Amino acid sequence: MASTRMMLAIGALERAIGRLEQQVDALGDAPSTAAPVLSPQGTDQARAALQSLDDLIAELKGRTDG
């Protein structure tokens, strides 16, 4: 069933986004003596991109629930 496969794919995306959010948070918390991997602006942009994906997933879930 297509909706079952879509829900499995959405679940996988949610888990991946969760891991990415943890990585972005960890990078933002890195000691200031370490070379920054992401600038504060880059961290904000990464969080905005992840939020956009979260919103898209919520929209897709709404389409498959109804």
PDB file of N, CA and C in Angstrom:
ATOM      1  N   MET A   1       0.850  -1.181   0.000  1.00  0.00           N
ATOM      2  CA  MET A   1       0.000   0.000   0.000  1.00  0.00           C
ATOM      3  C   MET A   1       0.896   1.245   0.000  1.00  0.00           C
ATOM      4  N   ALA A   2       0.581   2.178  -0.862  1.00  0.00           N
ATOM      5  CA  ALA A   2       1.419   3.374  -1.026  1.00  0.00           C
ATOM      6  C   ALA A   2       1.468   4.212   0.245  1.00  0.00           C
ATOM      7  N   SER A   3       0.342   4.359   0.919  1.00  0.00           N
ATOM      8  CA  SER A   3       0.353   5.207   2.111  1.00  0.00           C
ATOM      9  C   SER A   3       1.194   4.578   3.226  1.00  0.00           C
ATOM     10  N   THR A   4       1.238   3.262   3.297  1.00  0.00           N
ATOM     11  CA  THR A   4       2.081   2.602   4.295  1.00  0.00           C
ATOM     12  C   THR A   4       3.551   2.870   3.994  1.00  0.00           C
ATOM     13  N   ARG A   5       3.931   2.753   2.732  1.00  0.00           N
ATOM     14  CA  ARG A   5       5.318   3.039   2.353  1.00  0.00           C
ATOM     15  C   ARG A   5       5.654   4.499   2.603  1.00  0.00           C
ATOM     16  N   MET A   6       4.706   5.381   2.337  1.00  0.00           N
ATOM     17  CA  MET A   6       4.944   6.807   2.572  1.00  0.00           C
ATOM     18  C   MET A   6       5.138   7.065   4.061  1.00  0.00           C
ATOM     19  N   MET A   7       4.337   6.439   4.885  1.00  0.00           N
ATOM     20  CA  MET A   7       4.473   6.638   6.325  1.00  0.00           C
ATOM     21  C   MET A   7       5.813   6.094   6.823  1.00  0.00           C
ATOM     22  N   LEU A   8       6.265   4.972   6.271  1.00  0.00           N
ATOM     23  CA  LEU A   8       7.572   4.439   6.650  1.00  0.00           C
ATOM     24  C   LEU A   8       8.679   5.400   6.234  1.00  0.00           C
ATOM     25  N   ALA A   9       8.560   5.968   5.053  1.00  0.00           N
ATOM     26  CA  ALA A   9       9.550   6.938   4.576  1.00  0.00           C
ATOM     27  C   ALA A   9       9.542   8.194   5.442  1.00  0.00           C
ATOM     28  N   ILE A  10       8.359   8.650   5.812  1.00  0.00           N
ATOM     29  CA  ILE A  10       8.248   9.832   6.672  1.00  0.00           C
ATOM     30  C   ILE A  10       8.890   9.543   8.031  1.00  0.00           C
ATOM     31  N   GLY A  11       8.648   8.353   8.566  1.00  0.00           N
ATOM     32  CA  GLY A  11       9.264   7.979   9.837  1.00  0.00           C
ATOM     33  C   GLY A  11      10.778   7.987   9.755  1.00  0.00           C
ATOM     34  N   ALA A  12      11.315   7.473   8.649  1.00  0.00           N
ATOM     35  CA  ALA A  12      12.764   7.472   8.464  1.00  0.00           C
ATOM     36  C   ALA A  12      13.293   8.895   8.383  1.00  0.00           C
ATOM     37  N   LEU A  13      12.572   9.765   7.683  1.00  0.00           N
ATOM     38  CA  LEU A  13      12.985  11.174   7.597  1.00  0.00           C
ATOM     39  C   LEU A  13      12.959  11.828   8.972  1.00  0.00           C
ATOM     40  N   GLU A  14      11.936  11.549   9.738  1.00  0.00           N
ATOM     41  CA  GLU A  14      11.845  12.142  11.079  1.00  0.00           C
ATOM     42  C   GLU A  14      13.023  11.713  11.950  1.00  0.00           C
ATOM     43  N   ARG A  15      13.380  10.445  11.877  1.00  0.00           N
ATOM     44  CA  ARG A  15      14.522   9.966  12.670  1.00  0.00           C
ATOM     45  C   ARG A  15      15.814  10.632  12.205  1.00  0.00           C
ATOM     46  N   ALA A  16      15.982  10.750  10.901  1.00  0.00           N
ATOM     47  CA  ALA A  16      17.187  11.393  10.364  1.00  0.00           C
ATOM     48  C   ALA A  16      17.254  12.860  10.773  1.00  0.00           C
ATOM     49  N   ILE A  17      16.128  13.537  10.718  1.00  0.00           N
ATOM     50  CA  ILE A  17      16.094  14.948  11.122  1.00  0.00           C
ATOM     51  C   ILE A  17      16.421  15.075  12.602  1.00  0.00           C
ATOM     52  N   GLY A  18      15.894  14.172  13.405  1.00  0.00           N
ATOM     53  CA  GLY A  18      16.201  14.196  14.834  1.00  0.00           C
ATOM     54  C   GLY A  18      17.694  14.062  15.097  1.00  0.00           C
ATOM     55  N   ARG A  19      18.342  13.153  14.363  1.00  0.00           N
ATOM     56  CA  ARG A  19      19.789  12.989  14.519  1.00  0.00           C
ATOM     57  C   ARG A  19      20.530  14.246  14.062  1.00  0.00           C
ATOM     58  N   LEU A  20      20.086  14.835  12.955  1.00  0.00           N
ATOM     59  CA  LEU A  20      20.721  16.066  12.474  1.00  0.00           C
ATOM     60  C   LEU A  20      20.550  17.207  13.466  1.00  0.00           C
ATOM     61  N   GLU A  21      19.373  17.305  14.063  1.00  0.00           N
ATOM     62  CA  GLU A  21      19.149  18.356  15.060  1.00  0.00           C
ATOM     63  C   GLU A  21      20.102  18.195  16.233  1.00  0.00           C
ATOM     64  N   GLN A  22      20.322  16.952  16.659  1.00  0.00           N
ATOM     65  CA  GLN A  22      21.262  16.707  17.756  1.00  0.00           C
ATOM     66  C   GLN A  22      22.679  17.101  17.352  1.00  0.00           C
ATOM     67  N   GLN A  23      23.048  16.801  16.108  1.00  0.00           N
ATOM     68  CA  GLN A  23      24.382  17.159  15.636  1.00  0.00           C
ATOM     69  C   GLN A  23      24.559  18.667  15.548  1.00  0.00           C
ATOM     70  N   VAL A  24      23.545  19.376  15.069  1.00  0.00           N
ATOM     71  CA  VAL A  24      23.619  20.838  14.989  1.00  0.00           C
ATOM     72  C   VAL A  24      23.746  21.420  16.393  1.00  0.00           C
ATOM     73  N   ASP A  25      22.971  20.893  17.338  1.00  0.00           N
ATOM     74  CA  ASP A  25      23.072  21.375  18.714  1.00  0.00           C
ATOM     75  C   ASP A  25      24.465  21.122  19.280  1.00  0.00           C
ATOM     76  N   ALA A  26      25.015  19.944  19.006  1.00  0.00           N
ATOM     77  CA  ALA A  26      26.353  19.614  19.511  1.00  0.00           C
ATOM     78  C   ALA A  26      27.397  20.539  18.897  1.00  0.00           C
ATOM     79  N   LEU A  27      27.261  20.846  17.615  1.00  0.00           N
ATOM     80  CA  LEU A  27      28.211  21.746  16.968  1.00  0.00           C
ATOM     81  C   LEU A  27      28.107  23.151  17.547  1.00  0.00           C
ATOM     82  N   GLY A  28      26.895  23.560  17.873  1.00  0.00           N
ATOM     83  CA  GLY A  28      26.710  24.883  18.466  1.00  0.00           C
ATOM     84  C   GLY A  28      27.267  24.979  19.867  1.00  0.00           C
ATOM     85  N   ASP A  29      27.359  23.817  20.555  1.00  0.00           N
ATOM     86  CA  ASP A  29      27.862  23.780  21.928  1.00  0.00           C
ATOM     87  C   ASP A  29      29.359  23.492  22.002  1.00  0.00           C
ATOM     88  N   ALA A  30      30.025  23.368  20.838  1.00  0.00           N
ATOM     89  CA  ALA A  30      31.453  23.043  20.823  1.00  0.00           C
ATOM     90  C   ALA A  30      32.235  24.130  21.552  1.00  0.00           C
ATOM     91  N   PRO A  31      33.308  23.743  22.228  1.00  0.00           N
ATOM     92  CA  PRO A  31      34.132  24.749  22.937  1.00  0.00           C
ATOM     93  C   PRO A  31      34.626  25.822  21.969  1.00  0.00           C
ATOM     94  N   SER A  32      34.703  27.032  22.464  1.00  0.00           N
ATOM     95  CA  SER A  32      35.106  28.145  21.598  1.00  0.00           C
ATOM     96  C   SER A  32      36.560  28.039  21.169  1.00  0.00           C
ATOM     97  N   THR A  33      37.363  27.231  21.868  1.00  0.00           N
ATOM     98  CA  THR A  33      38.763  27.073  21.486  1.00  0.00           C
ATOM     99  C   THR A  33      38.918  26.185  20.254  1.00  0.00           C
ATOM    100  N   ALA A  34      37.913  25.357  19.991  1.00  0.00           N
ATOM    101  CA  ALA A  34      37.971  24.495  18.813  1.00  0.00           C
ATOM    102  C   ALA A  34      37.632  25.325  17.581  1.00  0.00           C
ATOM    103  N   ALA A  35      38.158  24.902  16.456  1.00  0.00           N
ATOM    104  CA  ALA A  35      37.827  25.588  15.202  1.00  0.00           C
ATOM    105  C   ALA A  35      36.334  25.403  14.940  1.00  0.00           C
ATOM    106  N   PRO A  36      35.608  26.486  14.726  1.00  0.00           N
ATOM    107  CA  PRO A  36      34.163  26.359  14.530  1.00  0.00           C
ATOM    108  C   PRO A  36      33.845  25.603  13.240  1.00  0.00           C
ATOM    109  N   VAL A  37      32.970  24.632  13.374  1.00  0.00           N
ATOM    110  CA  VAL A  37      32.528  23.869  12.210  1.00  0.00           C
ATOM    111  C   VAL A  37      31.427  24.642  11.507  1.00  0.00           C
ATOM    112  N   LEU A  38      30.560  25.224  12.291  1.00  0.00           N
ATOM    113  CA  LEU A  38      29.487  26.064  11.765  1.00  0.00           C
ATOM    114  C   LEU A  38      29.539  27.410  12.467  1.00  0.00           C
ATOM    115  N   SER A  39      29.368  28.450  11.699  1.00  0.00           N
ATOM    116  CA  SER A  39      29.264  29.770  12.299  1.00  0.00           C
ATOM    117  C   SER A  39      27.901  29.869  12.976  1.00  0.00           C
ATOM    118  N   PRO A  40      27.720  30.834  13.863  1.00  0.00           N
ATOM    119  CA  PRO A  40      26.387  31.004  14.457  1.00  0.00           C
ATOM    120  C   PRO A  40      25.312  31.176  13.386  1.00  0.00           C
ATOM    121  N   GLN A  41      25.636  31.891  12.315  1.00  0.00           N
ATOM    122  CA  GLN A  41      24.672  32.063  11.229  1.00  0.00           C
ATOM    123  C   GLN A  41      24.411  30.721  10.538  1.00  0.00           C
ATOM    124  N   GLY A  42      25.452  29.919  10.339  1.00  0.00           N
ATOM    125  CA  GLY A  42      25.293  28.608   9.717  1.00  0.00           C
ATOM    126  C   GLY A  42      24.441  27.691  10.575  1.00  0.00           C
ATOM    127  N   THR A  43      24.638  27.766  11.894  1.00  0.00           N
ATOM    128  CA  THR A  43      23.828  26.964  12.811  1.00  0.00           C
ATOM    129  C   THR A  43      22.368  27.377  12.714  1.00  0.00           C
ATOM    130  N   ASP A  44      22.105  28.675  12.682  1.00  0.00           N
ATOM    131  CA  ASP A  44      20.726  29.160  12.549  1.00  0.00           C
ATOM    132  C   ASP A  44      20.104  28.702  11.228  1.00  0.00           C
ATOM    133  N   GLN A  45      20.888  28.745  10.159  1.00  0.00           N
ATOM    134  CA  GLN A  45      20.377  28.316   8.863  1.00  0.00           C
ATOM    135  C   GLN A  45      20.101  26.814   8.855  1.00  0.00           C
ATOM    136  N   ALA A  46      20.959  26.046   9.509  1.00  0.00           N
ATOM    137  CA  ALA A  46      20.741  24.603   9.589  1.00  0.00           C
ATOM    138  C   ALA A  46      19.464  24.304  10.369  1.00  0.00           C
ATOM    139  N   ARG A  47      19.271  25.014  11.476  1.00  0.00           N
ATOM    140  CA  ARG A  47      18.049  24.802  12.261  1.00  0.00           C
ATOM    141  C   ARG A  47      16.806  25.200  11.458  1.00  0.00           C
ATOM    142  N   ALA A  48      16.892  26.276  10.692  1.00  0.00           N
ATOM    143  CA  ALA A  48      15.759  26.707   9.865  1.00  0.00           C
ATOM    144  C   ALA A  48      15.451  25.668   8.791  1.00  0.00           C
ATOM    145  N   ALA A  49      16.488  25.095   8.208  1.00  0.00           N
ATOM    146  CA  ALA A  49      16.275  24.064   7.190  1.00  0.00           C
ATOM    147  C   ALA A  49      15.627  22.830   7.799  1.00  0.00           C
ATOM    148  N   LEU A  50      16.087  22.445   8.983  1.00  0.00           N
ATOM    149  CA  LEU A  50      15.486  21.288   9.651  1.00  0.00           C
ATOM    150  C   LEU A  50      14.037  21.570  10.033  1.00  0.00           C
ATOM    151  N   GLN A  51      13.738  22.773  10.462  1.00  0.00           N
ATOM    152  CA  GLN A  51      12.355  23.136  10.794  1.00  0.00           C
ATOM    153  C   GLN A  51      11.488  23.078   9.553  1.00  0.00           C
ATOM    154  N   SER A  52      12.019  23.513   8.433  1.00  0.00           N
ATOM    155  CA  SER A  52      11.284  23.449   7.173  1.00  0.00           C
ATOM    156  C   SER A  52      10.959  22.001   6.821  1.00  0.00           C
ATOM    157  N   LEU A  53      11.925  21.104   7.029  1.00  0.00           N
ATOM    158  CA  LEU A  53      11.663  19.685   6.781  1.00  0.00           C
ATOM    159  C   LEU A  53      10.615  19.143   7.753  1.00  0.00           C
ATOM    160  N   ASP A  54      10.693  19.541   9.009  1.00  0.00           N
ATOM    161  CA  ASP A  54       9.681  19.137   9.987  1.00  0.00           C
ATOM    162  C   ASP A  54       8.286  19.571   9.534  1.00  0.00           C
ATOM    163  N   ASP A  55       8.188  20.808   9.039  1.00  0.00           N
ATOM    164  CA  ASP A  55       6.903  21.329   8.569  1.00  0.00           C
ATOM    165  C   ASP A  55       6.397  20.542   7.366  1.00  0.00           C
ATOM    166  N   LEU A  56       7.299  20.209   6.451  1.00  0.00           N
ATOM    167  CA  LEU A  56       6.917  19.431   5.276  1.00  0.00           C
ATOM    168  C   LEU A  56       6.420  18.051   5.677  1.00  0.00           C
ATOM    169  N   ILE A  57       7.096  17.428   6.623  1.00  0.00           N
ATOM    170  CA  ILE A  57       6.671  16.110   7.100  1.00  0.00           C
ATOM    171  C   ILE A  57       5.288  16.201   7.728  1.00  0.00           C
ATOM    172  N   ALA A  58       5.048  17.228   8.519  1.00  0.00           N
ATOM    173  CA  ALA A  58       3.728  17.404   9.135  1.00  0.00           C
ATOM    174  C   ALA A  58       2.652  17.564   8.060  1.00  0.00           C
ATOM    175  N   GLU A  59       2.983  18.306   7.010  1.00  0.00           N
ATOM    176  CA  GLU A  59       2.034  18.489   5.906  1.00  0.00           C
ATOM    177  C   GLU A  59       1.760  17.169   5.199  1.00  0.00           C
ATOM    178  N   LEU A  60       2.802  16.396   4.958  1.00  0.00           N
ATOM    179  CA  LEU A  60       2.635  15.100   4.304  1.00  0.00           C
ATOM    180  C   LEU A  60       1.821  14.147   5.167  1.00  0.00           C
ATOM    181  N   LYS A  61       2.053  14.171   6.462  1.00  0.00           N
ATOM    182  CA  LYS A  61       1.274  13.329   7.370  1.00  0.00           C
ATOM    183  C   LYS A  61      -0.203  13.698   7.317  1.00  0.00           C
ATOM    184  N   GLY A  62      -0.472  14.995   7.237  1.00  0.00           N
ATOM    185  CA  GLY A  62      -1.861  15.442   7.147  1.00  0.00           C
ATOM    186  C   GLY A  62      -2.531  14.928   5.896  1.00  0.00           C
ATOM    187  N   ARG A  63      -1.799  14.832   4.809  1.00  0.00           N
ATOM    188  CA  ARG A  63      -2.356  14.332   3.541  1.00  0.00           C
ATOM    189  C   ARG A  63      -2.642  12.839   3.611  1.00  0.00           C
ATOM    190  N   THR A  64      -1.817  12.079   4.338  1.00  0.00           N
ATOM    191  CA  THR A  64      -2.016  10.637   4.389  1.00  0.00           C
ATOM    192  C   THR A  64      -3.007  10.234   5.480  1.00  0.00           C
ATOM    193  N   ASP A  65      -3.200  11.087   6.485  1.00  0.00           N
ATOM    194  CA  ASP A  65      -4.152  10.770   7.547  1.00  0.00           C
ATOM    195  C   ASP A  65      -5.589  10.945   7.097  1.00  0.00           C
ATOM    196  N   GLY A  66      -5.814  11.898   6.206  1.00  0.00           N
ATOM    197  CA  GLY A  66      -7.170  12.245   5.817  1.00  0.00           C
ATOM    198  C   GLY A  66      -7.650  11.546   4.656  1.00  0.00           C
TER     199      GLY A  66
END
